[in-house]
């Protein structure tokens, strides 16, 4: 399926969403955000069938941030640089945060600015060895956005987060792995193969439980210990009432692989 600067394919129960505006290294425009919204609509329409989402980039980049073409003529003080955040970027990010299934991001090249935030929305973040991350905002006199100032301190701590943002230096994939920012690094030639293996493993899992696990970890940083205990209790009640729980226990007792159906 083709949308504006976005392609969407399905490999069984795995949806593959690809940022596809290679002329600008997949920089994000309002048109692309519209395409992303339509792609998520299509995924929602297949909600019962789609059990994992892969997000990656076309060509040699994952996403190099906001598309700045045409902005050089803007007069200082005449443009609200943050306006597009709330009207276009934030709705997309919120939809990813609340998605019904796990997200795997395959960072196949540079992930800069908003593109870095998009990459970090993955529940599992896989990187090509040649890829890198960049908090590029300071290079054009802006501040980090798209949730990066919330995500980064919780993932790698304040000191490293502030350094990335103040200095605007590249963070190579191997260093990102060392810091605990990403899950796995693969050779460039095998990234997508390894990504799809992982995605299908997740898609074949107990996706009701996996969705609840996503929610638990998203909510955890803002909850007190007691609030998180209560959320675990409620989530376990939901997971325990699913058919997959019965299948999981039965398979364990029968010493066979479980056949989860996401129900």
C-alpha atoms as a PDB file:
ATOM      1  CA  UNK A   1       0.000   0.000   0.000  1.00  0.00           C
ATOM      2  CA  UNK A   2       1.324   3.415  -0.966  1.00  0.00           C
ATOM      3  CA  UNK A   3       0.678   6.647   0.896  1.00  0.00           C
ATOM      4  CA  UNK A   4       2.367  10.051   0.673  1.00  0.00           C
ATOM      5  CA  UNK A   5       6.078   9.320   1.268  1.00  0.00           C
ATOM      6  CA  UNK A   6       5.110   6.136   3.131  1.00  0.00           C
ATOM      7  CA  UNK A   7       4.731   2.505   2.105  1.00  0.00           C
ATOM      8  CA  UNK A   8       2.911  -0.172   4.050  1.00  0.00           C
ATOM      9  CA  UNK A   9       3.274  -3.884   3.443  1.00  0.00           C
ATOM     10  CA  UNK A  10       2.046  -6.960   5.262  1.00  0.00           C
ATOM     11  CA  UNK A  11       4.029 -10.147   5.803  1.00  0.00           C
ATOM     12  CA  UNK A  12       1.481 -12.420   7.421  1.00  0.00           C
ATOM     13  CA  UNK A  13       0.648 -10.881  10.801  1.00  0.00           C
ATOM     14  CA  UNK A  14       3.510  -8.354  10.630  1.00  0.00           C
ATOM     15  CA  UNK A  15       2.913  -4.869   9.213  1.00  0.00           C
ATOM     16  CA  UNK A  16       5.962  -3.129   7.712  1.00  0.00           C
ATOM     17  CA  UNK A  17       5.734   0.663   7.665  1.00  0.00           C
ATOM     18  CA  UNK A  18       8.494   2.327   5.677  1.00  0.00           C
ATOM     19  CA  UNK A  19       9.344   6.035   5.631  1.00  0.00           C
ATOM     20  CA  UNK A  20       9.921   6.610   1.935  1.00  0.00           C
ATOM     21  CA  UNK A  21      11.101  10.016   0.749  1.00  0.00           C
ATOM     22  CA  UNK A  22      14.617   9.112  -0.259  1.00  0.00           C
ATOM     23  CA  UNK A  23      15.412  12.412  -1.995  1.00  0.00           C
ATOM     24  CA  UNK A  24      15.546  14.067   1.449  1.00  0.00           C
ATOM     25  CA  UNK A  25      16.744  10.991   3.359  1.00  0.00           C
ATOM     26  CA  UNK A  26      13.215  10.410   4.658  1.00  0.00           C
ATOM     27  CA  UNK A  27      12.966  13.777   6.396  1.00  0.00           C
ATOM     28  CA  UNK A  28       9.507  14.289   7.855  1.00  0.00           C
ATOM     29  CA  UNK A  29       7.106  16.685   6.173  1.00  0.00           C
ATOM     30  CA  UNK A  30       3.450  17.408   6.857  1.00  0.00           C
ATOM     31  CA  UNK A  31       2.671  15.306   3.777  1.00  0.00           C
ATOM     32  CA  UNK A  32       4.600  12.361   5.228  1.00  0.00           C
ATOM     33  CA  UNK A  33       2.824  12.712   8.578  1.00  0.00           C
ATOM     34  CA  UNK A  34      -0.463  12.555   6.696  1.00  0.00           C
ATOM     35  CA  UNK A  35       0.734   9.397   4.992  1.00  0.00           C
ATOM     36  CA  UNK A  36       1.762   7.920   8.333  1.00  0.00           C
ATOM     37  CA  UNK A  37      -1.677   8.661   9.759  1.00  0.00           C
ATOM     38  CA  UNK A  38      -3.325   6.903   6.821  1.00  0.00           C
ATOM     39  CA  UNK A  39      -1.000   3.942   7.224  1.00  0.00           C
ATOM     40  CA  UNK A  40      -1.943   3.642  10.901  1.00  0.00           C
ATOM     41  CA  UNK A  41      -5.603   3.816   9.875  1.00  0.00           C
ATOM     42  CA  UNK A  42      -5.003   0.856   7.550  1.00  0.00           C
ATOM     43  CA  UNK A  43      -3.290  -1.040  10.366  1.00  0.00           C
ATOM     44  CA  UNK A  44      -6.197  -0.330  12.702  1.00  0.00           C
ATOM     45  CA  UNK A  45      -8.602  -1.661  10.089  1.00  0.00           C
ATOM     46  CA  UNK A  46      -6.636  -4.925  10.192  1.00  0.00           C
ATOM     47  CA  UNK A  47      -6.284  -4.834  13.968  1.00  0.00           C
ATOM     48  CA  UNK A  48      -7.349  -8.448  14.391  1.00  0.00           C
ATOM     49  CA  UNK A  49      -4.731  -9.600  11.875  1.00  0.00           C
ATOM     50  CA  UNK A  50      -1.763  -7.310  12.591  1.00  0.00           C
ATOM     51  CA  UNK A  51       0.136  -8.555  15.633  1.00  0.00           C
ATOM     52  CA  UNK A  52       3.415  -6.680  15.255  1.00  0.00           C
ATOM     53  CA  UNK A  53       4.532  -3.470  13.513  1.00  0.00           C
ATOM     54  CA  UNK A  54       7.967  -2.890  11.988  1.00  0.00           C
ATOM     55  CA  UNK A  55       9.023   0.691  11.239  1.00  0.00           C
ATOM     56  CA  UNK A  56      12.054   1.350   9.043  1.00  0.00           C
ATOM     57  CA  UNK A  57      13.331   3.704   6.363  1.00  0.00           C
ATOM     58  CA  UNK A  58      13.738   3.364   2.611  1.00  0.00           C
ATOM     59  CA  UNK A  59      17.169   3.721   1.059  1.00  0.00           C
ATOM     60  CA  UNK A  60      20.173   4.720   3.133  1.00  0.00           C
ATOM     61  CA  UNK A  61      18.460   6.602   5.981  1.00  0.00           C
ATOM     62  CA  UNK A  62      15.955   5.840   8.676  1.00  0.00           C
ATOM     63  CA  UNK A  63      14.796   9.441   9.092  1.00  0.00           C
ATOM     64  CA  UNK A  64      16.847  12.641   9.215  1.00  0.00           C
ATOM     65  CA  UNK A  65      14.342  14.732  11.152  1.00  0.00           C
ATOM     66  CA  UNK A  66      11.971  17.439  10.000  1.00  0.00           C
ATOM     67  CA  UNK A  67      12.057  18.460   6.358  1.00  0.00           C
ATOM     68  CA  UNK A  68      13.467  21.997   6.389  1.00  0.00           C
ATOM     69  CA  UNK A  69      13.151  22.687   2.689  1.00  0.00           C
ATOM     70  CA  UNK A  70      11.498  26.038   2.062  1.00  0.00           C
ATOM     71  CA  UNK A  71      12.070  27.335   5.586  1.00  0.00           C
ATOM     72  CA  UNK A  72      15.202  29.358   4.906  1.00  0.00           C
ATOM     73  CA  UNK A  73      13.106  32.341   3.804  1.00  0.00           C
ATOM     74  CA  UNK A  74      11.039  32.460   6.966  1.00  0.00           C
ATOM     75  CA  UNK A  75      11.357  35.744   8.869  1.00  0.00           C
ATOM     76  CA  UNK A  76      12.418  35.537  12.535  1.00  0.00           C
ATOM     77  CA  UNK A  77       9.471  35.898  14.857  1.00  0.00           C
ATOM     78  CA  UNK A  78       6.970  35.271  12.080  1.00  0.00           C
ATOM     79  CA  UNK A  79       6.880  31.469  12.292  1.00  0.00           C
ATOM     80  CA  UNK A  80       5.699  29.292  15.161  1.00  0.00           C
ATOM     81  CA  UNK A  81       8.313  26.552  14.948  1.00  0.00           C
ATOM     82  CA  UNK A  82       6.364  24.360  17.358  1.00  0.00           C
ATOM     83  CA  UNK A  83       2.948  24.593  15.698  1.00  0.00           C
ATOM     84  CA  UNK A  84       3.329  21.400  13.680  1.00  0.00           C
ATOM     85  CA  UNK A  85       4.252  19.442  16.792  1.00  0.00           C
ATOM     86  CA  UNK A  86       0.824  19.490  18.362  1.00  0.00           C
ATOM     87  CA  UNK A  87      -1.138  19.317  15.127  1.00  0.00           C
ATOM     88  CA  UNK A  88       0.829  16.637  13.265  1.00  0.00           C
ATOM     89  CA  UNK A  89       3.806  15.061  15.074  1.00  0.00           C
ATOM     90  CA  UNK A  90       2.219  14.507  18.489  1.00  0.00           C
ATOM     91  CA  UNK A  91      -0.923  12.729  17.218  1.00  0.00           C
ATOM     92  CA  UNK A  92       1.298  10.231  15.361  1.00  0.00           C
ATOM     93  CA  UNK A  93       3.509   9.646  18.407  1.00  0.00           C
ATOM     94  CA  UNK A  94       0.485   9.199  20.665  1.00  0.00           C
ATOM     95  CA  UNK A  95      -0.961   6.629  18.298  1.00  0.00           C
ATOM     96  CA  UNK A  96       2.288   4.670  18.373  1.00  0.00           C
ATOM     97  CA  UNK A  97       2.410   4.840  22.154  1.00  0.00           C
ATOM     98  CA  UNK A  98      -1.115   3.399  22.353  1.00  0.00           C
ATOM     99  CA  UNK A  99      -0.793   0.852  19.542  1.00  0.00           C
ATOM    100  CA  UNK A 100      -2.423  -2.515  20.158  1.00  0.00           C
ATOM    101  CA  UNK A 101       0.679  -4.545  19.292  1.00  0.00           C
ATOM    102  CA  UNK A 102       4.465  -4.491  19.782  1.00  0.00           C
ATOM    103  CA  UNK A 103       6.589  -2.155  17.655  1.00  0.00           C
ATOM    104  CA  UNK A 104      10.012  -3.055  16.277  1.00  0.00           C
ATOM    105  CA  UNK A 105      12.081  -0.259  14.773  1.00  0.00           C
ATOM    106  CA  UNK A 106      14.784  -1.215  12.270  1.00  0.00           C
ATOM    107  CA  UNK A 107      17.193   1.725  12.193  1.00  0.00           C
ATOM    108  CA  UNK A 108      18.845   1.236   8.817  1.00  0.00           C
ATOM    109  CA  UNK A 109      20.756   4.528   8.683  1.00  0.00           C
ATOM    110  CA  UNK A 110      20.856   8.003  10.265  1.00  0.00           C
ATOM    111  CA  UNK A 111      18.112   8.697  12.808  1.00  0.00           C
ATOM    112  CA  UNK A 112      18.267  12.405  13.562  1.00  0.00           C
ATOM    113  CA  UNK A 113      16.017  14.898  15.313  1.00  0.00           C
ATOM    114  CA  UNK A 114      12.414  13.751  15.116  1.00  0.00           C
ATOM    115  CA  UNK A 115      13.692  10.648  13.336  1.00  0.00           C
ATOM    116  CA  UNK A 116      15.589   9.687  16.479  1.00  0.00           C
ATOM    117  CA  UNK A 117      12.377  10.017  18.480  1.00  0.00           C
ATOM    118  CA  UNK A 118      10.539   7.868  15.942  1.00  0.00           C
ATOM    119  CA  UNK A 119      13.222   5.204  16.262  1.00  0.00           C
ATOM    120  CA  UNK A 120      13.038   5.228  20.059  1.00  0.00           C
ATOM    121  CA  UNK A 121       9.303   4.494  19.957  1.00  0.00           C
ATOM    122  CA  UNK A 122      10.165   0.874  19.235  1.00  0.00           C
ATOM    123  CA  UNK A 123       9.591  -1.658  21.987  1.00  0.00           C
ATOM    124  CA  UNK A 124      12.555  -3.408  20.400  1.00  0.00           C
ATOM    125  CA  UNK A 125      15.111  -1.212  18.622  1.00  0.00           C
ATOM    126  CA  UNK A 126      17.392  -2.919  16.104  1.00  0.00           C
ATOM    127  CA  UNK A 127      20.166  -1.043  14.314  1.00  0.00           C
ATOM    128  CA  UNK A 128      22.370  -1.485  11.293  1.00  0.00           C
ATOM    129  CA  UNK A 129      26.019  -1.337  12.293  1.00  0.00           C
ATOM    130  CA  UNK A 130      26.573   1.774  10.168  1.00  0.00           C
ATOM    131  CA  UNK A 131      23.582   3.663  11.584  1.00  0.00           C
ATOM    132  CA  UNK A 132      23.766   6.474  14.105  1.00  0.00           C
ATOM    133  CA  UNK A 133      21.589   8.750  16.214  1.00  0.00           C
ATOM    134  CA  UNK A 134      21.759  12.521  16.339  1.00  0.00           C
ATOM    135  CA  UNK A 135      20.026  15.129  18.472  1.00  0.00           C
ATOM    136  CA  UNK A 136      20.323  17.652  15.668  1.00  0.00           C
ATOM    137  CA  UNK A 137      18.180  20.473  17.056  1.00  0.00           C
ATOM    138  CA  UNK A 138      20.981  22.631  18.455  1.00  0.00           C
ATOM    139  CA  UNK A 139      22.522  22.746  14.983  1.00  0.00           C
ATOM    140  CA  UNK A 140      19.619  24.899  13.785  1.00  0.00           C
ATOM    141  CA  UNK A 141      18.935  26.757  17.024  1.00  0.00           C
ATOM    142  CA  UNK A 142      16.004  24.696  18.285  1.00  0.00           C
ATOM    143  CA  UNK A 143      15.349  22.489  21.306  1.00  0.00           C
ATOM    144  CA  UNK A 144      14.770  18.716  21.285  1.00  0.00           C
ATOM    145  CA  UNK A 145      11.167  17.698  20.704  1.00  0.00           C
ATOM    146  CA  UNK A 146       8.914  14.776  19.740  1.00  0.00           C
ATOM    147  CA  UNK A 147       9.259  13.391  23.252  1.00  0.00           C
ATOM    148  CA  UNK A 148      13.026  13.002  23.202  1.00  0.00           C
ATOM    149  CA  UNK A 149      13.521  14.922  26.464  1.00  0.00           C
ATOM    150  CA  UNK A 150      11.143  12.470  28.163  1.00  0.00           C
ATOM    151  CA  UNK A 151      12.491   9.304  26.556  1.00  0.00           C
ATOM    152  CA  UNK A 152      16.233   9.873  26.694  1.00  0.00           C
ATOM    153  CA  UNK A 153      16.731  10.516  30.444  1.00  0.00           C
ATOM    154  CA  UNK A 154      14.682   7.435  31.235  1.00  0.00           C
ATOM    155  CA  UNK A 155      16.664   5.305  28.804  1.00  0.00           C
ATOM    156  CA  UNK A 156      20.251   6.489  29.290  1.00  0.00           C
ATOM    157  CA  UNK A 157      20.204   8.971  32.196  1.00  0.00           C
ATOM    158  CA  UNK A 158      20.336  12.748  32.422  1.00  0.00           C
ATOM    159  CA  UNK A 159      24.064  13.291  31.868  1.00  0.00           C
ATOM    160  CA  UNK A 160      24.240  11.449  28.566  1.00  0.00           C
ATOM    161  CA  UNK A 161      20.919  12.898  27.399  1.00  0.00           C
ATOM    162  CA  UNK A 162      21.985  16.469  28.074  1.00  0.00           C
ATOM    163  CA  UNK A 163      25.354  15.881  26.388  1.00  0.00           C
ATOM    164  CA  UNK A 164      23.713  14.507  23.241  1.00  0.00           C
ATOM    165  CA  UNK A 165      21.377  17.494  23.091  1.00  0.00           C
ATOM    166  CA  UNK A 166      23.863  20.252  23.950  1.00  0.00           C
ATOM    167  CA  UNK A 167      26.723  18.983  21.808  1.00  0.00           C
ATOM    168  CA  UNK A 168      24.774  17.649  18.818  1.00  0.00           C
ATOM    169  CA  UNK A 169      27.291  14.872  18.200  1.00  0.00           C
ATOM    170  CA  UNK A 170      26.612  11.588  16.450  1.00  0.00           C
ATOM    171  CA  UNK A 171      25.953   8.527  18.591  1.00  0.00           C
ATOM    172  CA  UNK A 172      27.036   5.428  16.631  1.00  0.00           C
ATOM    173  CA  UNK A 173      24.923   2.292  16.838  1.00  0.00           C
ATOM    174  CA  UNK A 174      27.566   0.333  18.742  1.00  0.00           C
ATOM    175  CA  UNK A 175      27.851   3.064  21.387  1.00  0.00           C
ATOM    176  CA  UNK A 176      24.044   3.285  21.603  1.00  0.00           C
ATOM    177  CA  UNK A 177      24.000  -0.447  22.325  1.00  0.00           C
ATOM    178  CA  UNK A 178      26.690  -0.022  24.984  1.00  0.00           C
ATOM    179  CA  UNK A 179      24.643   2.731  26.614  1.00  0.00           C
ATOM    180  CA  UNK A 180      21.472   0.624  26.634  1.00  0.00           C
ATOM    181  CA  UNK A 181      19.613   2.892  24.214  1.00  0.00           C
ATOM    182  CA  UNK A 182      18.967   0.106  21.688  1.00  0.00           C
ATOM    183  CA  UNK A 183      18.481  -3.653  21.888  1.00  0.00           C
ATOM    184  CA  UNK A 184      20.567  -5.149  19.099  1.00  0.00           C
ATOM    185  CA  UNK A 185      23.033  -4.202  16.371  1.00  0.00           C
ATOM    186  CA  UNK A 186      23.306  -6.239  13.166  1.00  0.00           C
ATOM    187  CA  UNK A 187      25.397  -6.062  10.039  1.00  0.00           C
ATOM    188  CA  UNK A 188      23.739  -3.774   7.507  1.00  0.00           C
ATOM    189  CA  UNK A 189      23.086  -6.630   5.081  1.00  0.00           C
ATOM    190  CA  UNK A 190      21.220  -8.730   7.653  1.00  0.00           C
ATOM    191  CA  UNK A 191      19.288  -6.039   9.539  1.00  0.00           C
ATOM    192  CA  UNK A 192      15.914  -6.587   7.878  1.00  0.00           C
ATOM    193  CA  UNK A 193      16.223 -10.371   7.939  1.00  0.00           C
ATOM    194  CA  UNK A 194      16.917 -10.294  11.675  1.00  0.00           C
ATOM    195  CA  UNK A 195      14.185  -7.711  12.204  1.00  0.00           C
ATOM    196  CA  UNK A 196      11.572  -9.859  10.501  1.00  0.00           C
ATOM    197  CA  UNK A 197      12.597 -12.926  12.507  1.00  0.00           C
ATOM    198  CA  UNK A 198      12.100 -10.975  15.695  1.00  0.00           C
ATOM    199  CA  UNK A 199       8.849  -9.403  14.499  1.00  0.00           C
ATOM    200  CA  UNK A 200       7.344 -12.774  13.604  1.00  0.00           C
ATOM    201  CA  UNK A 201       8.432 -14.176  16.964  1.00  0.00           C
ATOM    202  CA  UNK A 202       6.510 -11.371  18.665  1.00  0.00           C
ATOM    203  CA  UNK A 203       3.542 -11.723  16.308  1.00  0.00           C
ATOM    204  CA  UNK A 204       3.301 -15.428  17.144  1.00  0.00           C
ATOM    205  CA  UNK A 205       3.287 -14.676  20.855  1.00  0.00           C
ATOM    206  CA  UNK A 206       0.451 -13.958  23.317  1.00  0.00           C
ATOM    207  CA  UNK A 207      -0.264 -10.523  21.883  1.00  0.00           C
ATOM    208  CA  UNK A 208      -2.880  -9.549  24.479  1.00  0.00           C
ATOM    209  CA  UNK A 209      -0.228 -10.006  27.153  1.00  0.00           C
ATOM    210  CA  UNK A 210       2.413  -8.287  25.011  1.00  0.00           C
ATOM    211  CA  UNK A 211       0.149  -5.271  24.551  1.00  0.00           C
ATOM    212  CA  UNK A 212      -0.378  -5.087  28.307  1.00  0.00           C
ATOM    213  CA  UNK A 213       3.368  -5.370  28.882  1.00  0.00           C
ATOM    214  CA  UNK A 214       3.842  -2.342  26.591  1.00  0.00           C
ATOM    215  CA  UNK A 215       1.352  -0.364  28.661  1.00  0.00           C
ATOM    216  CA  UNK A 216       2.930  -1.375  31.965  1.00  0.00           C
ATOM    217  CA  UNK A 217       6.333  -0.081  30.945  1.00  0.00           C
ATOM    218  CA  UNK A 218       4.989   3.084  29.335  1.00  0.00           C
ATOM    219  CA  UNK A 219       3.041   3.946  32.495  1.00  0.00           C
ATOM    220  CA  UNK A 220       5.693   2.859  34.994  1.00  0.00           C
ATOM    221  CA  UNK A 221       7.854   6.036  35.036  1.00  0.00           C
ATOM    222  CA  UNK A 222       4.926   8.200  36.134  1.00  0.00           C
ATOM    223  CA  UNK A 223       3.438   5.794  38.685  1.00  0.00           C
ATOM    224  CA  UNK A 224       4.186   5.335  42.339  1.00  0.00           C
ATOM    225  CA  UNK A 225       5.085   1.850  43.517  1.00  0.00           C
ATOM    226  CA  UNK A 226       1.536   1.317  44.790  1.00  0.00           C
ATOM    227  CA  UNK A 227       0.020   2.588  41.541  1.00  0.00           C
ATOM    228  CA  UNK A 228       2.205   0.229  39.556  1.00  0.00           C
ATOM    229  CA  UNK A 229       1.245  -2.721  41.765  1.00  0.00           C
ATOM    230  CA  UNK A 230      -2.402  -1.882  41.106  1.00  0.00           C
ATOM    231  CA  UNK A 231      -1.781  -1.620  37.370  1.00  0.00           C
ATOM    232  CA  UNK A 232      -0.010  -5.000  37.381  1.00  0.00           C
ATOM    233  CA  UNK A 233      -2.953  -6.508  39.234  1.00  0.00           C
ATOM    234  CA  UNK A 234      -5.462  -5.164  36.713  1.00  0.00           C
ATOM    235  CA  UNK A 235      -3.301  -6.159  33.736  1.00  0.00           C
ATOM    236  CA  UNK A 236      -2.818  -9.668  35.077  1.00  0.00           C
ATOM    237  CA  UNK A 237      -6.559 -10.009  35.511  1.00  0.00           C
ATOM    238  CA  UNK A 238      -7.073  -9.153  31.844  1.00  0.00           C
ATOM    239  CA  UNK A 239      -4.255 -11.382  30.613  1.00  0.00           C
ATOM    240  CA  UNK A 240      -5.425 -14.268  32.781  1.00  0.00           C
ATOM    241  CA  UNK A 241      -8.899 -14.168  31.270  1.00  0.00           C
ATOM    242  CA  UNK A 242      -7.571 -14.563  27.709  1.00  0.00           C
ATOM    243  CA  UNK A 243      -7.592 -17.838  25.792  1.00  0.00           C
ATOM    244  CA  UNK A 244      -3.839 -17.498  25.286  1.00  0.00           C
ATOM    245  CA  UNK A 245      -3.222 -17.929  29.012  1.00  0.00           C
ATOM    246  CA  UNK A 246      -5.063 -21.241  29.014  1.00  0.00           C
ATOM    247  CA  UNK A 247      -3.161 -22.334  25.909  1.00  0.00           C
ATOM    248  CA  UNK A 248       0.150 -21.272  27.442  1.00  0.00           C
ATOM    249  CA  UNK A 249      -0.411 -23.286  30.606  1.00  0.00           C
ATOM    250  CA  UNK A 250      -1.714 -26.303  28.681  1.00  0.00           C
ATOM    251  CA  UNK A 251       1.263 -26.246  26.340  1.00  0.00           C
ATOM    252  CA  UNK A 252       3.650 -25.971  29.286  1.00  0.00           C
ATOM    253  CA  UNK A 253       2.088 -28.987  31.015  1.00  0.00           C
ATOM    254  CA  UNK A 254       2.041 -30.968  27.767  1.00  0.00           C
ATOM    255  CA  UNK A 255       5.665 -29.976  27.076  1.00  0.00           C
ATOM    256  CA  UNK A 256       4.931 -28.564  23.610  1.00  0.00           C
ATOM    257  CA  UNK A 257       5.246 -25.146  21.963  1.00  0.00           C
ATOM    258  CA  UNK A 258       2.263 -22.930  22.644  1.00  0.00           C
ATOM    259  CA  UNK A 259       0.040 -21.890  19.742  1.00  0.00           C
ATOM    260  CA  UNK A 260      -1.081 -18.427  20.687  1.00  0.00           C
ATOM    261  CA  UNK A 261      -3.917 -16.816  18.769  1.00  0.00           C
ATOM    262  CA  UNK A 262      -4.024 -13.352  20.275  1.00  0.00           C
ATOM    263  CA  UNK A 263      -7.379 -14.043  21.913  1.00  0.00           C
END
